[in-house]
Amino acid sequence: MVASAVFGLGMALFTTRELLQKKIRSAQYVFWMSLWLGLILIGVVPQFYSAILLITSVLGMYTPIHFVTTFSILILFTVVYLLAKRVSELNEKIGLLVQRIAVQSIKGEADRLTEKEA
């Protein structure tokens, strides 16, 4: 339990540093900080673990590890979906940028040719 709190604290500090260096956006920061705070709570507050036991029994899961595993997989699917969506958007932007550069390059060549002829 202490290991999860130490790991969560370290990752919370790292995530905060990333936000201050503007390497991540505030929406990402909120998502990751909620995850790290959950880890810290599990390690520091024993009643939080008891609450997880109650939640798992209400959901019909046998042990808290089933809940954690299921929840983690759902989070990973969400993150993969959002990353795939972002990559697709960036690919579209790169395609448009390449087209604009190609058009500007062709226009520049045409302008140079007309200057040489004149």
N, C-alpha and C. Protein backbone atom coordinates (compact mmCIF):
# COMPACT_ATOMS: atom_id res chain seq x y z
N MET A 1 0.81 -1.20 0.00
CA MET A 1 0.00 0.00 0.00
C MET A 1 0.86 1.27 0.00
N VAL A 2 1.95 1.24 0.73
CA VAL A 2 2.82 2.41 0.78
C VAL A 2 3.45 2.65 -0.60
N ALA A 3 3.74 1.56 -1.29
CA ALA A 3 4.34 1.69 -2.63
C ALA A 3 3.41 2.44 -3.57
N SER A 4 2.12 2.17 -3.50
CA SER A 4 1.18 2.88 -4.39
C SER A 4 1.14 4.36 -4.05
N ALA A 5 1.22 4.70 -2.76
CA ALA A 5 1.21 6.11 -2.36
C ALA A 5 2.48 6.82 -2.84
N VAL A 6 3.62 6.18 -2.68
CA VAL A 6 4.88 6.78 -3.12
C VAL A 6 4.90 6.93 -4.64
N PHE A 7 4.47 5.90 -5.35
CA PHE A 7 4.41 5.96 -6.80
C PHE A 7 3.45 7.06 -7.24
N GLY A 8 2.26 7.11 -6.63
CA GLY A 8 1.27 8.13 -6.97
C GLY A 8 1.79 9.53 -6.73
N LEU A 9 2.51 9.73 -5.61
CA LEU A 9 3.06 11.04 -5.31
C LEU A 9 4.12 11.43 -6.32
N GLY A 10 5.00 10.48 -6.65
CA GLY A 10 6.03 10.77 -7.65
C GLY A 10 5.44 11.13 -9.00
N MET A 11 4.43 10.38 -9.41
CA MET A 11 3.80 10.66 -10.71
C MET A 11 3.01 11.97 -10.68
N ALA A 12 2.41 12.29 -9.53
CA ALA A 12 1.70 13.56 -9.40
C ALA A 12 2.67 14.73 -9.56
N LEU A 13 3.83 14.62 -8.95
CA LEU A 13 4.84 15.68 -9.08
C LEU A 13 5.33 15.77 -10.52
N PHE A 14 5.58 14.64 -11.14
CA PHE A 14 6.02 14.62 -12.53
C PHE A 14 4.97 15.23 -13.45
N THR A 15 3.70 14.88 -13.23
CA THR A 15 2.61 15.41 -14.05
C THR A 15 2.47 16.92 -13.87
N THR A 16 2.63 17.39 -12.63
CA THR A 16 2.56 18.83 -12.37
C THR A 16 3.70 19.55 -13.09
N ARG A 17 4.89 18.96 -13.08
CA ARG A 17 6.02 19.56 -13.79
C ARG A 17 5.74 19.63 -15.28
N GLU A 18 5.14 18.57 -15.83
CA GLU A 18 4.80 18.56 -17.25
C GLU A 18 3.80 19.68 -17.59
N LEU A 19 2.84 19.91 -16.69
CA LEU A 19 1.87 20.99 -16.91
C LEU A 19 2.55 22.34 -16.87
N LEU A 20 3.43 22.54 -15.90
CA LEU A 20 4.12 23.83 -15.78
C LEU A 20 5.03 24.09 -16.97
N GLN A 21 5.58 23.05 -17.56
CA GLN A 21 6.42 23.20 -18.75
C GLN A 21 5.59 23.22 -20.03
N LYS A 22 4.27 23.19 -19.87
CA LYS A 22 3.31 23.24 -20.97
C LYS A 22 3.49 22.09 -21.96
N LYS A 23 3.86 20.92 -21.45
CA LYS A 23 3.96 19.73 -22.29
C LYS A 23 2.64 18.97 -22.34
N ILE A 24 1.74 19.24 -21.38
CA ILE A 24 0.41 18.65 -21.40
C ILE A 24 -0.61 19.76 -21.16
N ARG A 25 -1.84 19.50 -21.58
CA ARG A 25 -2.91 20.48 -21.41
C ARG A 25 -3.63 20.24 -20.08
N SER A 26 -4.43 21.19 -19.66
CA SER A 26 -5.10 21.08 -18.36
C SER A 26 -6.08 19.93 -18.31
N ALA A 27 -6.73 19.59 -19.40
CA ALA A 27 -7.66 18.46 -19.40
C ALA A 27 -6.90 17.16 -19.13
N GLN A 28 -5.74 17.01 -19.76
CA GLN A 28 -4.91 15.83 -19.50
C GLN A 28 -4.43 15.82 -18.06
N TYR A 29 -4.07 17.00 -17.57
CA TYR A 29 -3.58 17.11 -16.19
C TYR A 29 -4.65 16.65 -15.20
N VAL A 30 -5.88 17.08 -15.40
CA VAL A 30 -6.97 16.68 -14.49
C VAL A 30 -7.18 15.17 -14.53
N PHE A 31 -7.16 14.59 -15.72
CA PHE A 31 -7.33 13.15 -15.85
C PHE A 31 -6.25 12.39 -15.09
N TRP A 32 -4.98 12.74 -15.36
CA TRP A 32 -3.89 12.01 -14.73
C TRP A 32 -3.80 12.28 -13.23
N MET A 33 -4.08 13.50 -12.81
CA MET A 33 -4.02 13.80 -11.37
C MET A 33 -5.09 13.04 -10.60
N SER A 34 -6.27 12.86 -11.20
CA SER A 34 -7.30 12.08 -10.52
C SER A 34 -6.85 10.64 -10.35
N LEU A 35 -6.17 10.11 -11.34
CA LEU A 35 -5.63 8.75 -11.24
C LEU A 35 -4.56 8.66 -10.16
N TRP A 36 -3.63 9.62 -10.15
CA TRP A 36 -2.56 9.59 -9.15
C TRP A 36 -3.11 9.82 -7.74
N LEU A 37 -4.08 10.68 -7.60
CA LEU A 37 -4.68 10.91 -6.27
C LEU A 37 -5.40 9.66 -5.78
N GLY A 38 -6.02 8.92 -6.69
CA GLY A 38 -6.64 7.65 -6.31
C GLY A 38 -5.61 6.67 -5.79
N LEU A 39 -4.46 6.60 -6.44
CA LEU A 39 -3.38 5.72 -5.97
C LEU A 39 -2.89 6.15 -4.59
N ILE A 40 -2.75 7.46 -4.41
CA ILE A 40 -2.29 7.97 -3.12
C ILE A 40 -3.31 7.63 -2.04
N LEU A 41 -4.59 7.81 -2.34
CA LEU A 41 -5.64 7.49 -1.36
C LEU A 41 -5.63 6.02 -0.98
N ILE A 42 -5.43 5.15 -1.95
CA ILE A 42 -5.38 3.72 -1.64
C ILE A 42 -4.24 3.41 -0.68
N GLY A 43 -3.10 4.08 -0.87
CA GLY A 43 -1.95 3.81 -0.03
C GLY A 43 -2.00 4.46 1.33
N VAL A 44 -2.65 5.61 1.44
CA VAL A 44 -2.61 6.38 2.69
C VAL A 44 -3.85 6.18 3.55
N VAL A 45 -5.01 6.10 2.92
CA VAL A 45 -6.27 6.02 3.67
C VAL A 45 -6.84 4.61 3.57
N PRO A 46 -6.73 3.81 4.63
CA PRO A 46 -7.23 2.44 4.57
C PRO A 46 -8.74 2.35 4.31
N GLN A 47 -9.50 3.35 4.74
CA GLN A 47 -10.94 3.34 4.53
C GLN A 47 -11.28 3.43 3.04
N PHE A 48 -10.41 4.03 2.27
CA PHE A 48 -10.64 4.12 0.83
C PHE A 48 -10.63 2.72 0.21
N TYR A 49 -9.73 1.89 0.68
CA TYR A 49 -9.68 0.51 0.20
C TYR A 49 -10.96 -0.23 0.59
N SER A 50 -11.48 0.04 1.80
CA SER A 50 -12.73 -0.57 2.23
C SER A 50 -13.89 -0.13 1.34
N ALA A 51 -13.85 1.13 0.91
CA ALA A 51 -14.88 1.63 0.00
C ALA A 51 -14.81 0.89 -1.33
N ILE A 52 -13.60 0.60 -1.78
CA ILE A 52 -13.44 -0.17 -3.03
C ILE A 52 -14.01 -1.57 -2.85
N LEU A 53 -13.79 -2.18 -1.67
CA LEU A 53 -14.36 -3.50 -1.40
C LEU A 53 -15.88 -3.46 -1.49
N LEU A 54 -16.49 -2.40 -0.94
CA LEU A 54 -17.94 -2.25 -0.99
C LEU A 54 -18.42 -2.09 -2.44
N ILE A 55 -17.72 -1.27 -3.19
CA ILE A 55 -18.10 -1.04 -4.60
C ILE A 55 -18.01 -2.34 -5.39
N THR A 56 -16.93 -3.10 -5.16
CA THR A 56 -16.77 -4.35 -5.91
C THR A 56 -17.86 -5.36 -5.58
N SER A 57 -18.26 -5.40 -4.31
CA SER A 57 -19.33 -6.34 -3.95
C SER A 57 -20.67 -5.91 -4.54
N VAL A 58 -20.92 -4.60 -4.59
CA VAL A 58 -22.16 -4.09 -5.18
C VAL A 58 -22.19 -4.39 -6.68
N LEU A 59 -21.03 -4.27 -7.34
CA LEU A 59 -20.95 -4.53 -8.78
C LEU A 59 -20.89 -6.02 -9.12
N GLY A 60 -20.83 -6.86 -8.10
CA GLY A 60 -20.82 -8.29 -8.32
C GLY A 60 -19.45 -8.85 -8.67
N MET A 61 -18.41 -8.11 -8.35
CA MET A 61 -17.05 -8.59 -8.60
C MET A 61 -16.54 -9.24 -7.33
N TYR A 62 -15.69 -10.24 -7.49
CA TYR A 62 -15.26 -11.03 -6.34
C TYR A 62 -14.20 -10.33 -5.49
N THR A 63 -13.27 -9.66 -6.14
CA THR A 63 -12.20 -9.01 -5.39
C THR A 63 -11.94 -7.61 -5.96
N PRO A 64 -11.30 -6.75 -5.20
CA PRO A 64 -11.00 -5.41 -5.71
C PRO A 64 -10.11 -5.43 -6.94
N ILE A 65 -9.28 -6.47 -7.08
CA ILE A 65 -8.41 -6.51 -8.25
C ILE A 65 -9.23 -6.65 -9.53
N HIS A 66 -10.38 -7.31 -9.45
CA HIS A 66 -11.27 -7.39 -10.63
C HIS A 66 -11.77 -5.99 -11.00
N PHE A 67 -12.14 -5.23 -9.99
CA PHE A 67 -12.61 -3.86 -10.23
C PHE A 67 -11.50 -3.02 -10.83
N VAL A 68 -10.31 -3.08 -10.23
CA VAL A 68 -9.18 -2.28 -10.70
C VAL A 68 -8.81 -2.67 -12.12
N THR A 69 -8.77 -3.97 -12.39
CA THR A 69 -8.41 -4.44 -13.73
C THR A 69 -9.44 -3.99 -14.76
N THR A 70 -10.71 -4.17 -14.46
CA THR A 70 -11.77 -3.76 -15.38
C THR A 70 -11.72 -2.26 -15.62
N PHE A 71 -11.61 -1.48 -14.55
CA PHE A 71 -11.56 -0.02 -14.65
C PHE A 71 -10.33 0.42 -15.44
N SER A 72 -9.20 -0.22 -15.19
CA SER A 72 -7.96 0.14 -15.90
C SER A 72 -8.09 -0.15 -17.39
N ILE A 73 -8.67 -1.27 -17.74
CA ILE A 73 -8.85 -1.60 -19.16
C ILE A 73 -9.77 -0.59 -19.83
N LEU A 74 -10.83 -0.19 -19.15
CA LEU A 74 -11.72 0.82 -19.71
C LEU A 74 -10.99 2.14 -19.93
N ILE A 75 -10.16 2.53 -18.98
CA ILE A 75 -9.38 3.76 -19.13
C ILE A 75 -8.41 3.63 -20.30
N LEU A 76 -7.75 2.48 -20.41
CA LEU A 76 -6.80 2.29 -21.51
C LEU A 76 -7.50 2.34 -22.86
N PHE A 77 -8.68 1.74 -22.97
CA PHE A 77 -9.44 1.82 -24.22
C PHE A 77 -9.76 3.27 -24.56
N THR A 78 -10.16 4.03 -23.56
CA THR A 78 -10.49 5.45 -23.77
C THR A 78 -9.26 6.21 -24.24
N VAL A 79 -8.13 6.00 -23.58
CA VAL A 79 -6.90 6.69 -23.95
C VAL A 79 -6.47 6.31 -25.36
N VAL A 80 -6.54 5.04 -25.71
CA VAL A 80 -6.16 4.60 -27.06
C VAL A 80 -7.09 5.23 -28.10
N TYR A 81 -8.37 5.28 -27.81
CA TYR A 81 -9.32 5.91 -28.74
C TYR A 81 -8.97 7.38 -28.94
N LEU A 82 -8.74 8.10 -27.85
CA LEU A 82 -8.42 9.53 -27.96
C LEU A 82 -7.11 9.75 -28.69
N LEU A 83 -6.12 8.90 -28.45
CA LEU A 83 -4.84 9.02 -29.15
C LEU A 83 -5.02 8.74 -30.65
N ALA A 84 -5.78 7.72 -30.99
CA ALA A 84 -6.02 7.41 -32.40
C ALA A 84 -6.76 8.56 -33.09
N LYS A 85 -7.71 9.15 -32.39
CA LYS A 85 -8.44 10.29 -32.94
C LYS A 85 -7.50 11.47 -33.17
N ARG A 86 -6.61 11.72 -32.22
CA ARG A 86 -5.66 12.83 -32.34
C ARG A 86 -4.68 12.59 -33.49
N VAL A 87 -4.19 11.37 -33.63
CA VAL A 87 -3.27 11.03 -34.72
C VAL A 87 -3.97 11.24 -36.07
N SER A 88 -5.22 10.84 -36.16
CA SER A 88 -5.98 11.03 -37.40
C SER A 88 -6.12 12.52 -37.73
N GLU A 89 -6.42 13.32 -36.72
CA GLU A 89 -6.54 14.77 -36.94
C GLU A 89 -5.21 15.36 -37.38
N LEU A 90 -4.13 14.93 -36.77
CA LEU A 90 -2.82 15.44 -37.15
C LEU A 90 -2.43 15.01 -38.56
N ASN A 91 -2.79 13.80 -38.95
CA ASN A 91 -2.53 13.34 -40.32
C ASN A 91 -3.26 14.21 -41.34
N GLU A 92 -4.51 14.56 -41.02
CA GLU A 92 -5.27 15.44 -41.93
C GLU A 92 -4.60 16.80 -42.04
N LYS A 93 -4.17 17.36 -40.91
CA LYS A 93 -3.51 18.67 -40.92
C LYS A 93 -2.21 18.62 -41.70
N ILE A 94 -1.45 17.55 -41.54
CA ILE A 94 -0.20 17.41 -42.28
C ILE A 94 -0.48 17.32 -43.78
N GLY A 95 -1.51 16.58 -44.16
CA GLY A 95 -1.88 16.48 -45.57
C GLY A 95 -2.22 17.84 -46.16
N LEU A 96 -3.01 18.61 -45.43
CA LEU A 96 -3.37 19.95 -45.90
C LEU A 96 -2.15 20.85 -45.99
N LEU A 97 -1.27 20.74 -45.01
CA LEU A 97 -0.06 21.56 -45.02
C LEU A 97 0.84 21.22 -46.21
N VAL A 98 0.98 19.95 -46.50
CA VAL A 98 1.79 19.51 -47.64
C VAL A 98 1.17 20.03 -48.93
N GLN A 99 -0.15 19.98 -49.04
CA GLN A 99 -0.82 20.49 -50.24
C GLN A 99 -0.56 21.99 -50.40
N ARG A 100 -0.69 22.75 -49.31
CA ARG A 100 -0.45 24.20 -49.39
C ARG A 100 0.98 24.51 -49.78
N ILE A 101 1.93 23.78 -49.21
CA ILE A 101 3.34 24.00 -49.56
C ILE A 101 3.56 23.68 -51.03
N ALA A 102 2.96 22.60 -51.52
CA ALA A 102 3.12 22.22 -52.93
C ALA A 102 2.54 23.29 -53.84
N VAL A 103 1.38 23.82 -53.49
CA VAL A 103 0.75 24.87 -54.32
C VAL A 103 1.62 26.12 -54.30
N GLN A 104 2.13 26.51 -53.13
CA GLN A 104 2.99 27.69 -53.05
C GLN A 104 4.28 27.49 -53.83
N SER A 105 4.80 26.29 -53.78
CA SER A 105 6.03 25.98 -54.53
C SER A 105 5.79 26.09 -56.03
N ILE A 106 4.66 25.56 -56.48
CA ILE A 106 4.33 25.63 -57.91
C ILE A 106 4.11 27.08 -58.33
N LYS A 107 3.42 27.86 -57.47
CA LYS A 107 3.20 29.27 -57.80
C LYS A 107 4.52 30.02 -57.86
N GLY A 108 5.43 29.70 -56.95
CA GLY A 108 6.75 30.35 -56.95
C GLY A 108 7.53 30.01 -58.20
N GLU A 109 7.48 28.76 -58.63
CA GLU A 109 8.16 28.35 -59.87
C GLU A 109 7.55 29.06 -61.08
N ALA A 110 6.23 29.16 -61.09
CA ALA A 110 5.56 29.83 -62.22
C ALA A 110 5.94 31.30 -62.26
N ASP A 111 6.01 31.94 -61.10
CA ASP A 111 6.39 33.35 -61.05
C ASP A 111 7.82 33.55 -61.55
N ARG A 112 8.72 32.65 -61.17
CA ARG A 112 10.12 32.76 -61.61
C ARG A 112 10.23 32.55 -63.12
N LEU A 113 9.44 31.65 -63.67
CA LEU A 113 9.48 31.40 -65.11
C LEU A 113 8.98 32.62 -65.88
N THR A 114 7.91 33.23 -65.39
CA THR A 114 7.38 34.41 -66.09
C THR A 114 8.34 35.59 -65.98
N GLU A 115 9.09 35.70 -64.88
CA GLU A 115 10.08 36.78 -64.75
C GLU A 115 11.24 36.56 -65.73
N LYS A 116 11.64 35.32 -65.94
CA LYS A 116 12.74 35.02 -66.86
C LYS A 116 12.33 35.31 -68.30
N GLU A 117 11.09 35.06 -68.65
CA GLU A 117 10.62 35.28 -70.02
C GLU A 117 10.49 36.77 -70.33
N ALA A 118 10.22 37.55 -69.29
CA ALA A 118 9.99 38.99 -69.52
C ALA A 118 11.25 39.76 -69.65
